[in-house]
C-alpha atoms as a PDB file:
ATOM      1  CA  UNK A   1      68.714 -28.334 -18.801  1.00  0.00           C
ATOM      2  CA  UNK A   2      70.047 -28.529 -15.259  1.00  0.00           C
ATOM      3  CA  UNK A   3      70.517 -31.839 -13.478  1.00  0.00           C
ATOM      4  CA  UNK A   4      67.249 -32.828 -11.847  1.00  0.00           C
ATOM      5  CA  UNK A   5      65.084 -30.697 -14.173  1.00  0.00           C
ATOM      6  CA  UNK A   6      62.088 -32.511 -15.585  1.00  0.00           C
ATOM      7  CA  UNK A   7      61.407 -31.707 -19.247  1.00  0.00           C
ATOM      8  CA  UNK A   8      58.006 -30.151 -19.917  1.00  0.00           C
ATOM      9  CA  UNK A   9      55.457 -32.122 -21.840  1.00  0.00           C
ATOM     10  CA  UNK A  10      54.995 -30.877 -25.397  1.00  0.00           C
ATOM     11  CA  UNK A  11      52.079 -28.452 -25.714  1.00  0.00           C
ATOM     12  CA  UNK A  12      49.738 -28.573 -28.669  1.00  0.00           C
ATOM     13  CA  UNK A  13      48.021 -25.311 -29.643  1.00  0.00           C
ATOM     14  CA  UNK A  14      44.521 -26.647 -30.236  1.00  0.00           C
ATOM     15  CA  UNK A  15      41.119 -25.125 -29.793  1.00  0.00           C
ATOM     16  CA  UNK A  16      38.194 -27.414 -29.059  1.00  0.00           C
ATOM     17  CA  UNK A  17      35.373 -27.782 -26.555  1.00  0.00           C
ATOM     18  CA  UNK A  18      35.979 -28.633 -22.920  1.00  0.00           C
ATOM     19  CA  UNK A  19      33.446 -29.299 -20.176  1.00  0.00           C
ATOM     20  CA  UNK A  20      34.711 -28.860 -16.630  1.00  0.00           C
ATOM     21  CA  UNK A  21      33.499 -28.765 -13.051  1.00  0.00           C
ATOM     22  CA  UNK A  22      34.806 -28.832  -9.539  1.00  0.00           C
ATOM     23  CA  UNK A  23      35.228 -32.459  -8.573  1.00  0.00           C
ATOM     24  CA  UNK A  24      32.002 -34.098  -7.363  1.00  0.00           C
ATOM     25  CA  UNK A  25      29.890 -31.117  -8.381  1.00  0.00           C
ATOM     26  CA  UNK A  26      26.834 -31.827 -10.551  1.00  0.00           C
ATOM     27  CA  UNK A  27      26.807 -28.919 -12.988  1.00  0.00           C
ATOM     28  CA  UNK A  28      29.277 -28.794 -15.877  1.00  0.00           C
ATOM     29  CA  UNK A  29      30.628 -25.544 -17.333  1.00  0.00           C
ATOM     30  CA  UNK A  30      31.723 -25.089 -20.962  1.00  0.00           C
ATOM     31  CA  UNK A  31      34.958 -23.600 -22.199  1.00  0.00           C
ATOM     32  CA  UNK A  32      37.449 -23.711 -25.073  1.00  0.00           C
ATOM     33  CA  UNK A  33      40.995 -25.075 -24.882  1.00  0.00           C
ATOM     34  CA  UNK A  34      44.007 -22.906 -25.763  1.00  0.00           C
ATOM     35  CA  UNK A  35      46.595 -25.666 -25.522  1.00  0.00           C
ATOM     36  CA  UNK A  36      46.843 -29.238 -24.287  1.00  0.00           C
ATOM     37  CA  UNK A  37      49.722 -31.490 -23.240  1.00  0.00           C
ATOM     38  CA  UNK A  38      50.002 -34.941 -21.713  1.00  0.00           C
ATOM     39  CA  UNK A  39      50.222 -33.327 -18.274  1.00  0.00           C
ATOM     40  CA  UNK A  40      47.762 -30.436 -18.456  1.00  0.00           C
ATOM     41  CA  UNK A  41      45.364 -28.151 -20.256  1.00  0.00           C
ATOM     42  CA  UNK A  42      44.969 -24.383 -20.617  1.00  0.00           C
ATOM     43  CA  UNK A  43      41.385 -23.294 -21.228  1.00  0.00           C
ATOM     44  CA  UNK A  44      39.072 -20.319 -21.118  1.00  0.00           C
ATOM     45  CA  UNK A  45      36.723 -20.329 -18.150  1.00  0.00           C
ATOM     46  CA  UNK A  46      33.005 -20.078 -18.801  1.00  0.00           C
ATOM     47  CA  UNK A  47      31.725 -16.493 -18.571  1.00  0.00           C
ATOM     48  CA  UNK A  48      30.263 -15.837 -15.134  1.00  0.00           C
ATOM     49  CA  UNK A  49      31.570 -19.079 -13.615  1.00  0.00           C
ATOM     50  CA  UNK A  50      34.288 -17.776 -11.278  1.00  0.00           C
ATOM     51  CA  UNK A  51      34.147 -20.819  -8.980  1.00  0.00           C
ATOM     52  CA  UNK A  52      37.599 -22.205  -9.686  1.00  0.00           C
ATOM     53  CA  UNK A  53      40.514 -21.300  -7.443  1.00  0.00           C
ATOM     54  CA  UNK A  54      44.141 -22.446  -7.418  1.00  0.00           C
ATOM     55  CA  UNK A  55      44.361 -26.023  -6.038  1.00  0.00           C
ATOM     56  CA  UNK A  56      40.674 -26.743  -6.764  1.00  0.00           C
ATOM     57  CA  UNK A  57      40.277 -30.400  -7.824  1.00  0.00           C
ATOM     58  CA  UNK A  58      38.573 -30.513 -11.245  1.00  0.00           C
ATOM     59  CA  UNK A  59      36.981 -32.987 -13.603  1.00  0.00           C
ATOM     60  CA  UNK A  60      37.303 -32.212 -17.305  1.00  0.00           C
ATOM     61  CA  UNK A  61      35.956 -33.663 -20.516  1.00  0.00           C
ATOM     62  CA  UNK A  62      37.834 -32.696 -23.661  1.00  0.00           C
ATOM     63  CA  UNK A  63      35.853 -33.252 -26.847  1.00  0.00           C
ATOM     64  CA  UNK A  64      38.366 -33.820 -29.648  1.00  0.00           C
ATOM     65  CA  UNK A  65      36.760 -33.248 -33.052  1.00  0.00           C
ATOM     66  CA  UNK A  66      36.937 -35.813 -35.825  1.00  0.00           C
ATOM     67  CA  UNK A  67      39.013 -33.608 -38.118  1.00  0.00           C
ATOM     68  CA  UNK A  68      41.927 -33.699 -35.638  1.00  0.00           C
ATOM     69  CA  UNK A  69      41.965 -37.497 -35.372  1.00  0.00           C
ATOM     70  CA  UNK A  70      40.691 -38.540 -38.792  1.00  0.00           C
ATOM     71  CA  UNK A  71      37.861 -40.644 -37.390  1.00  0.00           C
ATOM     72  CA  UNK A  72      35.094 -40.634 -34.836  1.00  0.00           C
ATOM     73  CA  UNK A  73      34.959 -37.909 -32.194  1.00  0.00           C
ATOM     74  CA  UNK A  74      36.956 -38.799 -29.093  1.00  0.00           C
ATOM     75  CA  UNK A  75      36.248 -37.638 -25.561  1.00  0.00           C
ATOM     76  CA  UNK A  76      38.973 -37.546 -22.944  1.00  0.00           C
ATOM     77  CA  UNK A  77      37.600 -37.620 -19.404  1.00  0.00           C
ATOM     78  CA  UNK A  78      40.215 -36.541 -16.891  1.00  0.00           C
ATOM     79  CA  UNK A  79      40.817 -35.319 -13.376  1.00  0.00           C
ATOM     80  CA  UNK A  80      43.355 -32.818 -12.173  1.00  0.00           C
ATOM     81  CA  UNK A  81      43.889 -29.673 -10.180  1.00  0.00           C
ATOM     82  CA  UNK A  82      43.878 -25.958 -11.034  1.00  0.00           C
ATOM     83  CA  UNK A  83      47.469 -24.674 -10.994  1.00  0.00           C
ATOM     84  CA  UNK A  84      47.085 -21.115 -12.303  1.00  0.00           C
ATOM     85  CA  UNK A  85      44.401 -18.552 -13.031  1.00  0.00           C
ATOM     86  CA  UNK A  86      45.288 -15.877 -15.566  1.00  0.00           C
ATOM     87  CA  UNK A  87      43.014 -12.859 -15.298  1.00  0.00           C
ATOM     88  CA  UNK A  88      42.156 -11.208 -18.602  1.00  0.00           C
ATOM     89  CA  UNK A  89      42.774  -7.490 -18.988  1.00  0.00           C
ATOM     90  CA  UNK A  90      39.707  -7.094 -21.194  1.00  0.00           C
ATOM     91  CA  UNK A  91      36.540  -6.146 -19.319  1.00  0.00           C
ATOM     92  CA  UNK A  92      33.930  -8.943 -19.112  1.00  0.00           C
ATOM     93  CA  UNK A  93      36.301 -11.529 -20.584  1.00  0.00           C
ATOM     94  CA  UNK A  94      36.647 -14.573 -18.283  1.00  0.00           C
ATOM     95  CA  UNK A  95      40.010 -15.766 -16.971  1.00  0.00           C
ATOM     96  CA  UNK A  96      42.136 -18.521 -18.480  1.00  0.00           C
ATOM     97  CA  UNK A  97      42.647 -21.611 -16.322  1.00  0.00           C
ATOM     98  CA  UNK A  98      45.698 -23.885 -16.241  1.00  0.00           C
ATOM     99  CA  UNK A  99      44.995 -27.337 -14.821  1.00  0.00           C
ATOM    100  CA  UNK A 100      47.011 -30.505 -14.459  1.00  0.00           C
ATOM    101  CA  UNK A 101      45.870 -33.845 -15.816  1.00  0.00           C
ATOM    102  CA  UNK A 102      46.552 -36.525 -13.213  1.00  0.00           C
ATOM    103  CA  UNK A 103      44.266 -39.280 -14.556  1.00  0.00           C
ATOM    104  CA  UNK A 104      42.432 -39.743 -17.821  1.00  0.00           C
ATOM    105  CA  UNK A 105      40.500 -42.202 -19.903  1.00  0.00           C
ATOM    106  CA  UNK A 106      39.479 -42.130 -23.553  1.00  0.00           C
ATOM    107  CA  UNK A 107      35.866 -42.542 -24.626  1.00  0.00           C
ATOM    108  CA  UNK A 108      35.116 -42.971 -28.304  1.00  0.00           C
ATOM    109  CA  UNK A 109      31.939 -41.658 -29.953  1.00  0.00           C
ATOM    110  CA  UNK A 110      30.706 -43.376 -33.066  1.00  0.00           C
ATOM    111  CA  UNK A 111      28.909 -40.319 -34.413  1.00  0.00           C
END
């Protein structure tokens, strides 16, 4: 590591549901995470969405299943910004979105 380099947050290869939307928009879209870290998330965009662009402010809700945490389902509500869009080479397969996590809060479900 060079002087001044900031180490990357550890990424966890997990696949669970994510709801996302452009900040202050009403309608949520659904996707699936590819990996998550303390500073960001990589997820598959909802088919036919196509509204996210680089630098778009986003709101996200990650729904972490009980089997990952050993208890009740946990929801992480967070805000961030789209940093990358990775177009898929397969026809009709939506792009993958990389977004930062700048703020978050945990919400616990008792179901």
